[in-house]
Amino acid sequence: MQTRRALLFLLGLVISSESSAIAAPQNLRDTEDKHRAAIAQTVEQFLNAWNKHDAHEFALTFTEDADFTNVAEA
């Protein structure tokens, strides 16, 4: 559950950066909107795979050169 909260927090930070988009030209805003949508989709796929305990689907949310660090709580 903490992983989900952390990811949702990070997604919120990305989405809340609207102040830079307000003064941006329309084509830049469109690009940013596409990037935000892609990030949101990736986070959703990540969470769904994690919650289903589907290792293969989980791995598909990463690029070939990605690193994943599992921080275990003590």
N, C-alpha and C. Protein backbone atom coordinates (compact mmCIF):
# COMPACT_ATOMS: atom_id res chain seq x y z
N MET A 1 0.82 -1.20 0.00
CA MET A 1 0.00 0.00 0.00
C MET A 1 0.86 1.26 0.00
N GLN A 2 2.03 1.22 0.68
CA GLN A 2 2.90 2.38 0.69
C GLN A 2 3.49 2.62 -0.69
N THR A 3 3.73 1.56 -1.44
CA THR A 3 4.24 1.71 -2.80
C THR A 3 3.21 2.46 -3.64
N ARG A 4 1.96 2.09 -3.49
CA ARG A 4 0.90 2.77 -4.26
C ARG A 4 0.83 4.24 -3.89
N ARG A 5 0.90 4.54 -2.60
CA ARG A 5 0.86 5.94 -2.17
C ARG A 5 2.03 6.73 -2.72
N ALA A 6 3.22 6.14 -2.68
CA ALA A 6 4.40 6.82 -3.20
C ALA A 6 4.28 7.09 -4.69
N LEU A 7 3.80 6.11 -5.44
CA LEU A 7 3.64 6.29 -6.88
C LEU A 7 2.56 7.33 -7.20
N LEU A 8 1.48 7.29 -6.45
CA LEU A 8 0.42 8.28 -6.67
C LEU A 8 0.91 9.68 -6.31
N PHE A 9 1.74 9.78 -5.28
CA PHE A 9 2.32 11.08 -4.91
C PHE A 9 3.20 11.60 -6.04
N LEU A 10 4.06 10.72 -6.59
CA LEU A 10 4.92 11.13 -7.70
C LEU A 10 4.10 11.52 -8.92
N LEU A 11 3.07 10.76 -9.21
CA LEU A 11 2.20 11.10 -10.33
C LEU A 11 1.53 12.46 -10.09
N GLY A 12 1.12 12.70 -8.87
CA GLY A 12 0.52 13.99 -8.53
C GLY A 12 1.48 15.15 -8.75
N LEU A 13 2.75 14.94 -8.41
CA LEU A 13 3.75 15.99 -8.65
C LEU A 13 3.89 16.28 -10.14
N VAL A 14 3.91 15.24 -10.94
CA VAL A 14 4.03 15.43 -12.38
C VAL A 14 2.83 16.18 -12.93
N ILE A 15 1.66 15.76 -12.53
CA ILE A 15 0.43 16.36 -13.04
C ILE A 15 0.24 17.78 -12.51
N SER A 16 0.70 18.06 -11.29
CA SER A 16 0.47 19.37 -10.70
C SER A 16 1.41 20.45 -11.23
N SER A 17 2.27 20.12 -12.14
CA SER A 17 3.19 21.12 -12.69
C SER A 17 2.52 21.92 -13.79
N GLU A 18 1.28 22.28 -13.58
CA GLU A 18 0.50 23.01 -14.58
C GLU A 18 0.97 24.44 -14.77
N SER A 19 1.66 25.03 -13.80
CA SER A 19 2.05 26.43 -13.90
C SER A 19 2.93 26.69 -15.10
N SER A 20 3.80 25.74 -15.45
CA SER A 20 4.66 25.95 -16.61
C SER A 20 3.89 25.78 -17.91
N ALA A 21 2.81 25.03 -17.90
CA ALA A 21 2.03 24.79 -19.11
C ALA A 21 1.13 25.97 -19.46
N ILE A 22 0.80 26.81 -18.49
CA ILE A 22 -0.13 27.91 -18.73
C ILE A 22 0.44 28.90 -19.75
N ALA A 23 1.72 29.25 -19.63
CA ALA A 23 2.33 30.22 -20.52
C ALA A 23 2.97 29.57 -21.75
N ALA A 24 2.89 28.29 -21.86
CA ALA A 24 3.54 27.58 -22.96
C ALA A 24 2.69 27.65 -24.23
N PRO A 25 3.34 27.60 -25.39
CA PRO A 25 2.58 27.54 -26.64
C PRO A 25 1.72 26.28 -26.70
N GLN A 26 0.69 26.31 -27.52
CA GLN A 26 -0.26 25.20 -27.60
C GLN A 26 0.41 23.88 -27.94
N ASN A 27 1.35 23.88 -28.91
CA ASN A 27 1.98 22.61 -29.29
C ASN A 27 2.80 22.03 -28.14
N LEU A 28 3.40 22.88 -27.32
CA LEU A 28 4.14 22.40 -26.15
C LEU A 28 3.18 21.83 -25.11
N ARG A 29 2.04 22.50 -24.92
CA ARG A 29 1.03 21.99 -23.98
C ARG A 29 0.49 20.65 -24.44
N ASP A 30 0.28 20.50 -25.75
CA ASP A 30 -0.20 19.22 -26.28
C ASP A 30 0.81 18.11 -26.02
N THR A 31 2.09 18.42 -26.22
CA THR A 31 3.15 17.44 -25.97
C THR A 31 3.20 17.08 -24.50
N GLU A 32 3.10 18.08 -23.63
CA GLU A 32 3.11 17.81 -22.19
C GLU A 32 1.91 16.97 -21.79
N ASP A 33 0.75 17.26 -22.35
CA ASP A 33 -0.44 16.47 -22.05
C ASP A 33 -0.26 15.02 -22.47
N LYS A 34 0.34 14.79 -23.62
CA LYS A 34 0.61 13.42 -24.08
C LYS A 34 1.58 12.72 -23.15
N HIS A 35 2.60 13.44 -22.69
CA HIS A 35 3.57 12.85 -21.77
C HIS A 35 2.90 12.51 -20.44
N ARG A 36 2.07 13.42 -19.94
CA ARG A 36 1.37 13.15 -18.67
C ARG A 36 0.46 11.93 -18.81
N ALA A 37 -0.22 11.82 -19.93
CA ALA A 37 -1.10 10.67 -20.15
C ALA A 37 -0.30 9.38 -20.22
N ALA A 38 0.86 9.42 -20.86
CA ALA A 38 1.71 8.23 -20.96
C ALA A 38 2.24 7.83 -19.58
N ILE A 39 2.62 8.83 -18.78
CA ILE A 39 3.10 8.55 -17.42
C ILE A 39 1.98 7.93 -16.59
N ALA A 40 0.80 8.53 -16.66
CA ALA A 40 -0.34 8.01 -15.89
C ALA A 40 -0.66 6.58 -16.31
N GLN A 41 -0.60 6.29 -17.61
CA GLN A 41 -0.88 4.94 -18.09
C GLN A 41 0.18 3.96 -17.58
N THR A 42 1.43 4.35 -17.59
CA THR A 42 2.50 3.48 -17.11
C THR A 42 2.35 3.20 -15.62
N VAL A 43 2.04 4.24 -14.85
CA VAL A 43 1.85 4.05 -13.41
C VAL A 43 0.68 3.11 -13.15
N GLU A 44 -0.40 3.28 -13.90
CA GLU A 44 -1.56 2.40 -13.74
C GLU A 44 -1.22 0.95 -14.09
N GLN A 45 -0.46 0.74 -15.17
CA GLN A 45 -0.04 -0.61 -15.54
C GLN A 45 0.86 -1.20 -14.46
N PHE A 46 1.78 -0.40 -13.94
CA PHE A 46 2.69 -0.82 -12.88
C PHE A 46 1.89 -1.28 -11.65
N LEU A 47 0.94 -0.44 -11.23
CA LEU A 47 0.15 -0.77 -10.04
C LEU A 47 -0.72 -2.01 -10.25
N ASN A 48 -1.34 -2.11 -11.42
CA ASN A 48 -2.18 -3.27 -11.70
C ASN A 48 -1.37 -4.56 -11.68
N ALA A 49 -0.21 -4.53 -12.31
CA ALA A 49 0.65 -5.73 -12.34
C ALA A 49 1.13 -6.08 -10.93
N TRP A 50 1.51 -5.06 -10.17
CA TRP A 50 1.98 -5.29 -8.79
C TRP A 50 0.87 -5.92 -7.96
N ASN A 51 -0.32 -5.35 -8.06
CA ASN A 51 -1.44 -5.84 -7.25
C ASN A 51 -1.91 -7.23 -7.68
N LYS A 52 -1.69 -7.61 -8.94
CA LYS A 52 -2.04 -8.94 -9.42
C LYS A 52 -0.92 -9.95 -9.18
N HIS A 53 0.22 -9.47 -8.69
CA HIS A 53 1.40 -10.32 -8.49
C HIS A 53 1.84 -10.98 -9.80
N ASP A 54 1.76 -10.22 -10.88
CA ASP A 54 2.11 -10.70 -12.21
C ASP A 54 3.49 -10.16 -12.57
N ALA A 55 4.52 -10.98 -12.35
CA ALA A 55 5.90 -10.54 -12.56
C ALA A 55 6.18 -10.17 -14.01
N HIS A 56 5.62 -10.93 -14.95
CA HIS A 56 5.86 -10.64 -16.36
C HIS A 56 5.25 -9.29 -16.75
N GLU A 57 4.00 -9.08 -16.39
CA GLU A 57 3.34 -7.81 -16.71
C GLU A 57 4.04 -6.65 -15.99
N PHE A 58 4.49 -6.88 -14.77
CA PHE A 58 5.23 -5.88 -14.00
C PHE A 58 6.50 -5.48 -14.74
N ALA A 59 7.24 -6.48 -15.24
CA ALA A 59 8.49 -6.21 -15.95
C ALA A 59 8.26 -5.42 -17.23
N LEU A 60 7.11 -5.58 -17.84
CA LEU A 60 6.82 -4.87 -19.09
C LEU A 60 6.66 -3.36 -18.89
N THR A 61 6.53 -2.90 -17.65
CA THR A 61 6.40 -1.47 -17.39
C THR A 61 7.75 -0.77 -17.36
N PHE A 62 8.84 -1.52 -17.51
CA PHE A 62 10.19 -0.96 -17.46
C PHE A 62 10.84 -1.00 -18.84
N THR A 63 11.80 -0.10 -19.06
CA THR A 63 12.62 -0.16 -20.27
C THR A 63 13.74 -1.17 -20.04
N GLU A 64 14.44 -1.53 -21.12
CA GLU A 64 15.51 -2.53 -21.01
C GLU A 64 16.62 -2.10 -20.07
N ASP A 65 16.89 -0.80 -19.99
CA ASP A 65 18.01 -0.32 -19.17
C ASP A 65 17.57 0.19 -17.80
N ALA A 66 16.35 -0.14 -17.38
CA ALA A 66 15.84 0.34 -16.09
C ALA A 66 16.44 -0.44 -14.93
N ASP A 67 16.53 0.24 -13.80
CA ASP A 67 16.94 -0.40 -12.54
C ASP A 67 15.75 -0.36 -11.59
N PHE A 68 15.56 -1.42 -10.86
CA PHE A 68 14.50 -1.46 -9.85
C PHE A 68 15.14 -1.81 -8.52
N THR A 69 14.91 -0.98 -7.53
CA THR A 69 15.43 -1.21 -6.20
C THR A 69 14.26 -1.43 -5.25
N ASN A 70 14.24 -2.59 -4.61
CA ASN A 70 13.19 -2.90 -3.66
C ASN A 70 13.70 -2.54 -2.27
N VAL A 71 13.08 -1.58 -1.65
CA VAL A 71 13.50 -1.13 -0.33
C VAL A 71 12.61 -1.83 0.70
N ALA A 72 13.18 -2.78 1.39
CA ALA A 72 12.43 -3.52 2.41
C ALA A 72 12.43 -2.73 3.71
N GLU A 73 11.28 -2.68 4.34
CA GLU A 73 11.19 -2.00 5.63
C GLU A 73 11.71 -2.92 6.73
N ALA A 74 12.42 -2.34 7.66
CA ALA A 74 12.96 -3.13 8.77
C ALA A 74 12.00 -3.20 9.91
